[in-house]
Amino acid sequence: MLVIGQLKKAGLVNVRAGVGGASLRKDPSEITLLDVYRAVDVVDHNELFNFHEHPNPNCPVGANIEATLRGAMITAQEAMERELAQVTVQQLAYKLINEKTSS
């Protein structure tokens, strides 16, 4: 599915035929980067870190790596999501406008 379709399905944009036919469905101050991240299923099940599904059980590394790293990976995922939740589309738009006018 195209990104715009994923954003539409998540209720973040309206889409109509033609060039420039997409618009925000909510106020930009109400859309966070976490909303966009969750809408755009770039990674499987919105998990940033994935492991082999069927590692060799006879391999000491493959058989144990997920259990060894899982806690750290969950902590990193949660930290990233907390940061994304604090940035809105409106903040990004202001930043882009200010950087453009200052250069």
PDB file of N, CA and C in Angstrom:
ATOM      1  N   MET A   1       0.846  -1.179   0.000  1.00  0.00           N
ATOM      2  CA  MET A   1       0.000   0.000   0.000  1.00  0.00           C
ATOM      3  C   MET A   1       0.889   1.239   0.000  1.00  0.00           C
ATOM      4  N   LEU A   2       0.510   2.227  -0.772  1.00  0.00           N
ATOM      5  CA  LEU A   2       1.260   3.473  -0.813  1.00  0.00           C
ATOM      6  C   LEU A   2       1.119   4.224   0.511  1.00  0.00           C
ATOM      7  N   VAL A   3       2.103   5.026   0.809  1.00  0.00           N
ATOM      8  CA  VAL A   3       2.124   5.772   2.071  1.00  0.00           C
ATOM      9  C   VAL A   3       0.866   6.618   2.223  1.00  0.00           C
ATOM     10  N   ILE A   4       0.455   7.305   1.173  1.00  0.00           N
ATOM     11  CA  ILE A   4      -0.727   8.170   1.280  1.00  0.00           C
ATOM     12  C   ILE A   4      -1.959   7.346   1.629  1.00  0.00           C
ATOM     13  N   GLY A   5      -2.051   6.129   1.101  1.00  0.00           N
ATOM     14  CA  GLY A   5      -3.164   5.246   1.427  1.00  0.00           C
ATOM     15  C   GLY A   5      -3.131   4.825   2.890  1.00  0.00           C
ATOM     16  N   GLN A   6      -1.934   4.591   3.415  1.00  0.00           N
ATOM     17  CA  GLN A   6      -1.795   4.221   4.819  1.00  0.00           C
ATOM     18  C   GLN A   6      -2.185   5.389   5.728  1.00  0.00           C
ATOM     19  N   LEU A   7      -1.801   6.595   5.336  1.00  0.00           N
ATOM     20  CA  LEU A   7      -2.174   7.783   6.118  1.00  0.00           C
ATOM     21  C   LEU A   7      -3.688   8.004   6.074  1.00  0.00           C
ATOM     22  N   LYS A   8      -4.296   7.756   4.921  1.00  0.00           N
ATOM     23  CA  LYS A   8      -5.751   7.883   4.798  1.00  0.00           C
ATOM     24  C   LYS A   8      -6.448   6.845   5.674  1.00  0.00           C
ATOM     25  N   LYS A   9      -5.996   5.613   5.603  1.00  0.00           N
ATOM     26  CA  LYS A   9      -6.593   4.541   6.393  1.00  0.00           C
ATOM     27  C   LYS A   9      -6.516   4.845   7.896  1.00  0.00           C
ATOM     28  N   ALA A  10      -5.450   5.520   8.309  1.00  0.00           N
ATOM     29  CA  ALA A  10      -5.269   5.881   9.725  1.00  0.00           C
ATOM     30  C   ALA A  10      -6.073   7.120  10.113  1.00  0.00           C
ATOM     31  N   GLY A  11      -6.742   7.738   9.134  1.00  0.00           N
ATOM     32  CA  GLY A  11      -7.553   8.913   9.437  1.00  0.00           C
ATOM     33  C   GLY A  11      -6.762  10.197   9.570  1.00  0.00           C
ATOM     34  N   LEU A  12      -5.557  10.222   9.000  1.00  0.00           N
ATOM     35  CA  LEU A  12      -4.727  11.421   9.114  1.00  0.00           C
ATOM     36  C   LEU A  12      -4.889  12.369   7.934  1.00  0.00           C
ATOM     37  N   VAL A  13      -5.273  11.829   6.766  1.00  0.00           N
ATOM     38  CA  VAL A  13      -5.441  12.676   5.585  1.00  0.00           C
ATOM     39  C   VAL A  13      -6.723  12.328   4.843  1.00  0.00           C
ATOM     40  N   ASN A  14      -7.199  13.286   4.079  1.00  0.00           N
ATOM     41  CA  ASN A  14      -8.269  13.075   3.107  1.00  0.00           C
ATOM     42  C   ASN A  14      -7.603  13.065   1.743  1.00  0.00           C
ATOM     43  N   VAL A  15      -8.109  12.246   0.838  1.00  0.00           N
ATOM     44  CA  VAL A  15      -7.528  12.150  -0.492  1.00  0.00           C
ATOM     45  C   VAL A  15      -8.640  12.268  -1.520  1.00  0.00           C
ATOM     46  N   ARG A  16      -8.383  13.078  -2.534  1.00  0.00           N
ATOM     47  CA  ARG A  16      -9.302  13.172  -3.668  1.00  0.00           C
ATOM     48  C   ARG A  16      -8.459  13.164  -4.936  1.00  0.00           C
ATOM     49  N   ALA A  17      -9.065  12.805  -6.030  1.00  0.00           N
ATOM     50  CA  ALA A  17      -8.350  12.659  -7.295  1.00  0.00           C
ATOM     51  C   ALA A  17      -7.722  13.970  -7.732  1.00  0.00           C
ATOM     52  N   GLY A  18      -6.599  13.864  -8.416  1.00  0.00           N
ATOM     53  CA  GLY A  18      -5.940  15.040  -8.970  1.00  0.00           C
ATOM     54  C   GLY A  18      -4.658  15.385  -8.237  1.00  0.00           C
ATOM     55  N   VAL A  19      -3.905  16.274  -8.858  1.00  0.00           N
ATOM     56  CA  VAL A  19      -2.647  16.732  -8.276  1.00  0.00           C
ATOM     57  C   VAL A  19      -2.936  17.544  -7.021  1.00  0.00           C
ATOM     58  N   GLY A  20      -2.211  17.260  -5.965  1.00  0.00           N
ATOM     59  CA  GLY A  20      -2.406  17.988  -4.715  1.00  0.00           C
ATOM     60  C   GLY A  20      -3.706  17.635  -4.036  1.00  0.00           C
ATOM     61  N   GLY A  21      -4.214  16.437  -4.279  1.00  0.00           N
ATOM     62  CA  GLY A  21      -5.506  16.045  -3.769  1.00  0.00           C
ATOM     63  C   GLY A  21      -5.511  15.499  -2.356  1.00  0.00           C
ATOM     64  N   ALA A  22      -4.448  15.702  -1.608  1.00  0.00           N
ATOM     65  CA  ALA A  22      -4.412  15.230  -0.226  1.00  0.00           C
ATOM     66  C   ALA A  22      -4.387  16.422   0.721  1.00  0.00           C
ATOM     67  N   SER A  23      -5.124  16.301   1.808  1.00  0.00           N
ATOM     68  CA  SER A  23      -5.128  17.348   2.832  1.00  0.00           C
ATOM     69  C   SER A  23      -5.219  16.683   4.202  1.00  0.00           C
ATOM     70  N   LEU A  24      -4.744  17.390   5.202  1.00  0.00           N
ATOM     71  CA  LEU A  24      -4.800  16.853   6.558  1.00  0.00           C
ATOM     72  C   LEU A  24      -6.234  16.759   7.027  1.00  0.00           C
ATOM     73  N   ARG A  25      -6.543  15.697   7.714  1.00  0.00           N
ATOM     74  CA  ARG A  25      -7.888  15.494   8.237  1.00  0.00           C
ATOM     75  C   ARG A  25      -8.044  16.098   9.632  1.00  0.00           C
ATOM     76  N   LYS A  26      -6.927  16.320  10.292  1.00  0.00           N
ATOM     77  CA  LYS A  26      -6.914  16.903  11.628  1.00  0.00           C
ATOM     78  C   LYS A  26      -6.048  18.148  11.596  1.00  0.00           C
ATOM     79  N   ASP A  27      -6.158  18.945  12.626  1.00  0.00           N
ATOM     80  CA  ASP A  27      -5.276  20.090  12.774  1.00  0.00           C
ATOM     81  C   ASP A  27      -3.844  19.573  12.921  1.00  0.00           C
ATOM     82  N   PRO A  28      -2.869  20.220  12.268  1.00  0.00           N
ATOM     83  CA  PRO A  28      -1.490  19.742  12.347  1.00  0.00           C
ATOM     84  C   PRO A  28      -0.934  19.686  13.774  1.00  0.00           C
ATOM     85  N   SER A  29      -1.510  20.466  14.668  1.00  0.00           N
ATOM     86  CA  SER A  29      -1.056  20.428  16.063  1.00  0.00           C
ATOM     87  C   SER A  29      -1.533  19.158  16.778  1.00  0.00           C
ATOM     88  N   GLU A  30      -2.463  18.436  16.155  1.00  0.00           N
ATOM     89  CA  GLU A  30      -3.014  17.216  16.756  1.00  0.00           C
ATOM     90  C   GLU A  30      -2.405  15.938  16.172  1.00  0.00           C
ATOM     91  N   ILE A  31      -1.531  16.078  15.178  1.00  0.00           N
ATOM     92  CA  ILE A  31      -0.914  14.913  14.550  1.00  0.00           C
ATOM     93  C   ILE A  31       0.550  14.858  14.977  1.00  0.00           C
ATOM     94  N   THR A  32       0.919  13.774  15.633  1.00  0.00           N
ATOM     95  CA  THR A  32       2.310  13.623  16.061  1.00  0.00           C
ATOM     96  C   THR A  32       3.061  12.718  15.096  1.00  0.00           C
ATOM     97  N   LEU A  33       4.368  12.757  15.212  1.00  0.00           N
ATOM     98  CA  LEU A  33       5.173  11.845  14.406  1.00  0.00           C
ATOM     99  C   LEU A  33       4.919  10.392  14.792  1.00  0.00           C
ATOM    100  N   LEU A  34       4.497  10.172  16.031  1.00  0.00           N
ATOM    101  CA  LEU A  34       4.137   8.816  16.441  1.00  0.00           C
ATOM    102  C   LEU A  34       2.906   8.346  15.672  1.00  0.00           C
ATOM    103  N   ASP A  35       1.935   9.245  15.474  1.00  0.00           N
ATOM    104  CA  ASP A  35       0.754   8.900  14.670  1.00  0.00           C
ATOM    105  C   ASP A  35       1.174   8.476  13.259  1.00  0.00           C
ATOM    106  N   VAL A  36       2.070   9.251  12.678  1.00  0.00           N
ATOM    107  CA  VAL A  36       2.537   8.957  11.321  1.00  0.00           C
ATOM    108  C   VAL A  36       3.325   7.647  11.307  1.00  0.00           C
ATOM    109  N   TYR A  37       4.207   7.463  12.265  1.00  0.00           N
ATOM    110  CA  TYR A  37       5.001   6.233  12.368  1.00  0.00           C
ATOM    111  C   TYR A  37       4.103   5.009  12.464  1.00  0.00           C
ATOM    112  N   ARG A  38       3.090   5.102  13.294  1.00  0.00           N
ATOM    113  CA  ARG A  38       2.182   3.958  13.450  1.00  0.00           C
ATOM    114  C   ARG A  38       1.323   3.741  12.210  1.00  0.00           C
ATOM    115  N   ALA A  39       0.985   4.811  11.504  1.00  0.00           N
ATOM    116  CA  ALA A  39       0.150   4.698  10.304  1.00  0.00           C
ATOM    117  C   ALA A  39       0.918   4.078   9.148  1.00  0.00           C
ATOM    118  N   VAL A  40       2.163   4.449   9.020  1.00  0.00           N
ATOM    119  CA  VAL A  40       2.977   3.998   7.909  1.00  0.00           C
ATOM    120  C   VAL A  40       3.733   2.765   8.360  1.00  0.00           C
ATOM    121  N   ASP A  41       3.203   1.635   8.020  1.00  0.00           N
ATOM    122  CA  ASP A  41       3.735   0.368   8.488  1.00  0.00           C
ATOM    123  C   ASP A  41       5.013   0.030   7.740  1.00  0.00           C
ATOM    124  N   VAL A  42       6.057   0.813   7.993  1.00  0.00           N
ATOM    125  CA  VAL A  42       7.332   0.607   7.331  1.00  0.00           C
ATOM    126  C   VAL A  42       7.993  -0.665   7.842  1.00  0.00           C
ATOM    127  N   VAL A  43       7.866  -0.891   9.120  1.00  0.00           N
ATOM    128  CA  VAL A  43       8.437  -2.095   9.712  1.00  0.00           C
ATOM    129  C   VAL A  43       7.314  -2.998  10.186  1.00  0.00           C
ATOM    130  N   ASP A  44       7.563  -4.267  10.200  1.00  0.00           N
ATOM    131  CA  ASP A  44       6.550  -5.250  10.556  1.00  0.00           C
ATOM    132  C   ASP A  44       6.018  -5.010  11.958  1.00  0.00           C
ATOM    133  N   HIS A  45       4.729  -4.833  12.085  1.00  0.00           N
ATOM    134  CA  HIS A  45       4.046  -4.648  13.362  1.00  0.00           C
ATOM    135  C   HIS A  45       4.583  -3.456  14.158  1.00  0.00           C
ATOM    136  N   ASN A  46       5.106  -2.446  13.459  1.00  0.00           N
ATOM    137  CA  ASN A  46       5.662  -1.266  14.112  1.00  0.00           C
ATOM    138  C   ASN A  46       6.725  -1.603  15.143  1.00  0.00           C
ATOM    139  N   GLU A  47       7.466  -2.652  14.902  1.00  0.00           N
ATOM    140  CA  GLU A  47       8.596  -2.993  15.759  1.00  0.00           C
ATOM    141  C   GLU A  47       9.861  -2.606  15.015  1.00  0.00           C
ATOM    142  N   LEU A  48      10.615  -1.715  15.588  1.00  0.00           N
ATOM    143  CA  LEU A  48      11.834  -1.243  14.963  1.00  0.00           C
ATOM    144  C   LEU A  48      12.864  -2.364  14.857  1.00  0.00           C
ATOM    145  N   PHE A  49      12.904  -3.218  15.853  1.00  0.00           N
ATOM    146  CA  PHE A  49      13.894  -4.288  15.893  1.00  0.00           C
ATOM    147  C   PHE A  49      13.215  -5.638  15.731  1.00  0.00           C
ATOM    148  N   ASN A  50      13.655  -6.395  14.770  1.00  0.00           N
ATOM    149  CA  ASN A  50      13.114  -7.728  14.533  1.00  0.00           C
ATOM    150  C   ASN A  50      14.235  -8.752  14.566  1.00  0.00           C
ATOM    151  N   PHE A  51      13.887  -9.964  14.915  1.00  0.00           N
ATOM    152  CA  PHE A  51      14.852 -11.045  14.986  1.00  0.00           C
ATOM    153  C   PHE A  51      14.432 -12.147  14.031  1.00  0.00           C
ATOM    154  N   HIS A  52      15.343 -13.068  13.777  1.00  0.00           N
ATOM    155  CA  HIS A  52      15.012 -14.217  12.942  1.00  0.00           C
ATOM    156  C   HIS A  52      13.849 -14.972  13.574  1.00  0.00           C
ATOM    157  N   GLU A  53      12.923 -15.405  12.734  1.00  0.00           N
ATOM    158  CA  GLU A  53      11.764 -16.121  13.256  1.00  0.00           C
ATOM    159  C   GLU A  53      12.090 -17.552  13.657  1.00  0.00           C
ATOM    160  N   HIS A  54      12.999 -18.178  12.945  1.00  0.00           N
ATOM    161  CA  HIS A  54      13.312 -19.584  13.230  1.00  0.00           C
ATOM    162  C   HIS A  54      14.825 -19.788  13.281  1.00  0.00           C
ATOM    163  N   PRO A  55      15.471 -19.276  14.322  1.00  0.00           N
ATOM    164  CA  PRO A  55      16.924 -19.465  14.409  1.00  0.00           C
ATOM    165  C   PRO A  55      17.252 -20.939  14.656  1.00  0.00           C
ATOM    166  N   ASN A  56      18.448 -21.306  14.308  1.00  0.00           N
ATOM    167  CA  ASN A  56      18.908 -22.671  14.522  1.00  0.00           C
ATOM    168  C   ASN A  56      19.000 -22.924  16.021  1.00  0.00           C
ATOM    169  N   PRO A  57      18.221 -23.844  16.566  1.00  0.00           N
ATOM    170  CA  PRO A  57      18.239 -24.107  18.010  1.00  0.00           C
ATOM    171  C   PRO A  57      19.559 -24.693  18.489  1.00  0.00           C
ATOM    172  N   ASN A  58      20.374 -25.185  17.577  1.00  0.00           N
ATOM    173  CA  ASN A  58      21.675 -25.732  17.944  1.00  0.00           C
ATOM    174  C   ASN A  58      22.777 -24.679  17.956  1.00  0.00           C
ATOM    175  N   CYS A  59      22.454 -23.487  17.484  1.00  0.00           N
ATOM    176  CA  CYS A  59      23.433 -22.393  17.473  1.00  0.00           C
ATOM    177  C   CYS A  59      23.337 -21.646  18.799  1.00  0.00           C
ATOM    178  N   PRO A  60      24.419 -21.569  19.574  1.00  0.00           N
ATOM    179  CA  PRO A  60      24.342 -20.910  20.874  1.00  0.00           C
ATOM    180  C   PRO A  60      23.981 -19.422  20.778  1.00  0.00           C
ATOM    181  N   VAL A  61      24.387 -18.767  19.715  1.00  0.00           N
ATOM    182  CA  VAL A  61      24.035 -17.355  19.543  1.00  0.00           C
ATOM    183  C   VAL A  61      22.599 -17.243  19.045  1.00  0.00           C
ATOM    184  N   GLY A  62      22.284 -17.922  17.952  1.00  0.00           N
ATOM    185  CA  GLY A  62      20.944 -17.835  17.364  1.00  0.00           C
ATOM    186  C   GLY A  62      19.846 -18.246  18.320  1.00  0.00           C
ATOM    187  N   ALA A  63      20.097 -19.250  19.124  1.00  0.00           N
ATOM    188  CA  ALA A  63      19.077 -19.750  20.046  1.00  0.00           C
ATOM    189  C   ALA A  63      18.838 -18.823  21.225  1.00  0.00           C
ATOM    190  N   ASN A  64      19.779 -17.921  21.504  1.00  0.00           N
ATOM    191  CA  ASN A  64      19.676 -17.097  22.716  1.00  0.00           C
ATOM    192  C   ASN A  64      19.692 -15.593  22.491  1.00  0.00           C
ATOM    193  N   ILE A  65      19.962 -15.157  21.275  1.00  0.00           N
ATOM    194  CA  ILE A  65      20.159 -13.730  21.041  1.00  0.00           C
ATOM    195  C   ILE A  65      18.902 -12.903  21.292  1.00  0.00           C
ATOM    196  N   GLU A  66      17.750 -13.406  20.878  1.00  0.00           N
ATOM    197  CA  GLU A  66      16.525 -12.627  21.080  1.00  0.00           C
ATOM    198  C   GLU A  66      16.233 -12.436  22.557  1.00  0.00           C
ATOM    199  N   ALA A  67      16.315 -13.490  23.341  1.00  0.00           N
ATOM    200  CA  ALA A  67      16.054 -13.374  24.780  1.00  0.00           C
ATOM    201  C   ALA A  67      17.064 -12.438  25.444  1.00  0.00           C
ATOM    202  N   THR A  68      18.293 -12.458  24.953  1.00  0.00           N
ATOM    203  CA  THR A  68      19.345 -11.621  25.523  1.00  0.00           C
ATOM    204  C   THR A  68      19.119 -10.146  25.205  1.00  0.00           C
ATOM    205  N   LEU A  69      18.686  -9.842  23.991  1.00  0.00           N
ATOM    206  CA  LEU A  69      18.549  -8.449  23.554  1.00  0.00           C
ATOM    207  C   LEU A  69      17.150  -7.865  23.691  1.00  0.00           C
ATOM    208  N   ARG A  70      16.141  -8.692  23.858  1.00  0.00           N
ATOM    209  CA  ARG A  70      14.753  -8.238  23.817  1.00  0.00           C
ATOM    210  C   ARG A  70      14.487  -7.061  24.764  1.00  0.00           C
ATOM    211  N   GLY A  71      14.932  -7.121  26.002  1.00  0.00           N
ATOM    212  CA  GLY A  71      14.676  -6.046  26.953  1.00  0.00           C
ATOM    213  C   GLY A  71      15.249  -4.719  26.500  1.00  0.00           C
ATOM    214  N   ALA A  72      16.490  -4.735  26.026  1.00  0.00           N
ATOM    215  CA  ALA A  72      17.129  -3.508  25.551  1.00  0.00           C
ATOM    216  C   ALA A  72      16.419  -2.961  24.321  1.00  0.00           C
ATOM    217  N   MET A  73      15.987  -3.834  23.435  1.00  0.00           N
ATOM    218  CA  MET A  73      15.310  -3.394  22.213  1.00  0.00           C
ATOM    219  C   MET A  73      13.938  -2.798  22.521  1.00  0.00           C
ATOM    220  N   ILE A  74      13.242  -3.374  23.472  1.00  0.00           N
ATOM    221  CA  ILE A  74      11.938  -2.826  23.876  1.00  0.00           C
ATOM    222  C   ILE A  74      12.128  -1.449  24.494  1.00  0.00           C
ATOM    223  N   THR A  75      13.138  -1.296  25.327  1.00  0.00           N
ATOM    224  CA  THR A  75      13.424   0.002  25.954  1.00  0.00           C
ATOM    225  C   THR A  75      13.747   1.048  24.888  1.00  0.00           C
ATOM    226  N   ALA A  76      14.549   0.672  23.892  1.00  0.00           N
ATOM    227  CA  ALA A  76      14.891   1.605  22.811  1.00  0.00           C
ATOM    228  C   ALA A  76      13.660   1.969  21.989  1.00  0.00           C
ATOM    229  N   GLN A  77      12.806   1.001  21.674  1.00  0.00           N
ATOM    230  CA  GLN A  77      11.573   1.256  20.929  1.00  0.00           C
ATOM    231  C   GLN A  77      10.677   2.228  21.690  1.00  0.00           C
ATOM    232  N   GLU A  78      10.512   1.993  22.975  1.00  0.00           N
ATOM    233  CA  GLU A  78       9.664   2.862  23.790  1.00  0.00           C
ATOM    234  C   GLU A  78      10.224   4.273  23.867  1.00  0.00           C
ATOM    235  N   ALA A  79      11.540   4.415  23.980  1.00  0.00           N
ATOM    236  CA  ALA A  79      12.167   5.743  24.028  1.00  0.00           C
ATOM    237  C   ALA A  79      11.933   6.486  22.716  1.00  0.00           C
ATOM    238  N   MET A  80      12.093   5.788  21.591  1.00  0.00           N
ATOM    239  CA  MET A  80      11.861   6.415  20.299  1.00  0.00           C
ATOM    240  C   MET A  80      10.410   6.870  20.175  1.00  0.00           C
ATOM    241  N   GLU A  81       9.477   6.018  20.583  1.00  0.00           N
ATOM    242  CA  GLU A  81       8.063   6.372  20.483  1.00  0.00           C
ATOM    243  C   GLU A  81       7.709   7.551  21.387  1.00  0.00           C
ATOM    244  N   ARG A  82       8.316   7.634  22.568  1.00  0.00           N
ATOM    245  CA  ARG A  82       8.077   8.807  23.440  1.00  0.00           C
ATOM    246  C   ARG A  82       8.539  10.087  22.758  1.00  0.00           C
ATOM    247  N   GLU A  83       9.674  10.038  22.103  1.00  0.00           N
ATOM    248  CA  GLU A  83      10.182  11.216  21.396  1.00  0.00           C
ATOM    249  C   GLU A  83       9.277  11.590  20.230  1.00  0.00           C
ATOM    250  N   LEU A  84       8.861  10.611  19.444  1.00  0.00           N
ATOM    251  CA  LEU A  84       7.975  10.886  18.308  1.00  0.00           C
ATOM    252  C   LEU A  84       6.646  11.468  18.763  1.00  0.00           C
ATOM    253  N   ALA A  85       6.163  11.049  19.911  1.00  0.00           N
ATOM    254  CA  ALA A  85       4.879  11.532  20.433  1.00  0.00           C
ATOM    255  C   ALA A  85       4.939  13.000  20.828  1.00  0.00           C
ATOM    256  N   GLN A  86       6.128  13.538  21.008  1.00  0.00           N
ATOM    257  CA  GLN A  86       6.272  14.929  21.448  1.00  0.00           C
ATOM    258  C   GLN A  86       6.454  15.915  20.296  1.00  0.00           C
ATOM    259  N   VAL A  87       6.513  15.414  19.064  1.00  0.00           N
ATOM    260  CA  VAL A  87       6.723  16.290  17.907  1.00  0.00           C
ATOM    261  C   VAL A  87       5.475  16.240  17.033  1.00  0.00           C
ATOM    262  N   THR A  88       4.916  17.420  16.754  1.00  0.00           N
ATOM    263  CA  THR A  88       3.725  17.493  15.921  1.00  0.00           C
ATOM    264  C   THR A  88       4.073  17.928  14.499  1.00  0.00           C
ATOM    265  N   VAL A  89       3.146  17.675  13.601  1.00  0.00           N
ATOM    266  CA  VAL A  89       3.298  18.133  12.224  1.00  0.00           C
ATOM    267  C   VAL A  89       3.396  19.662  12.201  1.00  0.00           C
ATOM    268  N   GLN A  90       2.651  20.317  13.061  1.00  0.00           N
ATOM    269  CA  GLN A  90       2.711  21.777  13.126  1.00  0.00           C
ATOM    270  C   GLN A  90       4.111  22.251  13.511  1.00  0.00           C
ATOM    271  N   GLN A  91       4.726  21.616  14.480  1.00  0.00           N
ATOM    272  CA  GLN A  91       6.085  21.984  14.877  1.00  0.00           C
ATOM    273  C   GLN A  91       7.060  21.817  13.715  1.00  0.00           C
ATOM    274  N   LEU A  92       6.909  20.741  12.971  1.00  0.00           N
ATOM    275  CA  LEU A  92       7.782  20.515  11.821  1.00  0.00           C
ATOM    276  C   LEU A  92       7.568  21.578  10.750  1.00  0.00           C
ATOM    277  N   ALA A  93       6.315  21.941  10.506  1.00  0.00           N
ATOM    278  CA  ALA A  93       6.016  22.970   9.511  1.00  0.00           C
ATOM    279  C   ALA A  93       6.644  24.305   9.906  1.00  0.00           C
ATOM    280  N   TYR A  94       6.508  24.671  11.176  1.00  0.00           N
ATOM    281  CA  TYR A  94       7.133  25.914  11.649  1.00  0.00           C
ATOM    282  C   TYR A  94       8.647  25.871  11.487  1.00  0.00           C
ATOM    283  N   LYS A  95       9.238  24.739  11.810  1.00  0.00           N
ATOM    284  CA  LYS A  95      10.686  24.593  11.681  1.00  0.00           C
ATOM    285  C   LYS A  95      11.111  24.737  10.228  1.00  0.00           C
ATOM    286  N   LEU A  96      10.385  24.095   9.321  1.00  0.00           N
ATOM    287  CA  LEU A  96      10.709  24.203   7.899  1.00  0.00           C
ATOM    288  C   LEU A  96      10.590  25.635   7.403  1.00  0.00           C
ATOM    289  N   ILE A  97       9.535  26.303   7.795  1.00  0.00           N
ATOM    290  CA  ILE A  97       9.318  27.689   7.373  1.00  0.00           C
ATOM    291  C   ILE A  97      10.423  28.584   7.917  1.00  0.00           C
ATOM    292  N   ASN A  98      10.757  28.432   9.194  1.00  0.00           N
ATOM    293  CA  ASN A  98      11.791  29.270   9.802  1.00  0.00           C
ATOM    294  C   ASN A  98      13.161  29.012   9.210  1.00  0.00           C
ATOM    295  N   GLU A  99      13.483  27.756   8.889  1.00  0.00           N
ATOM    296  CA  GLU A  99      14.775  27.451   8.273  1.00  0.00           C
ATOM    297  C   GLU A  99      14.853  27.993   6.861  1.00  0.00           C
ATOM    298  N   LYS A 100      13.721  27.958   6.156  1.00  0.00           N
ATOM    299  CA  LYS A 100      13.692  28.464   4.788  1.00  0.00           C
ATOM    300  C   LYS A 100      13.881  29.983   4.761  1.00  0.00           C
ATOM    301  N   THR A 101      13.223  30.670   5.685  1.00  0.00           N
ATOM    302  CA  THR A 101      13.308  32.136   5.691  1.00  0.00           C
ATOM    303  C   THR A 101      14.622  32.637   6.269  1.00  0.00           C
ATOM    304  N   SER A 102      15.303  31.828   7.035  1.00  0.00           N
ATOM    305  CA  SER A 102      16.560  32.268   7.624  1.00  0.00           C
ATOM    306  C   SER A 102      17.757  31.977   6.718  1.00  0.00           C
ATOM    307  N   SER A 103      17.546  31.226   5.642  1.00  0.00           N
ATOM    308  CA  SER A 103      18.696  30.911   4.766  1.00  0.00           C
ATOM    309  C   SER A 103      18.731  31.760   3.526  1.00  0.00           C
TER     310      SER A 103
END
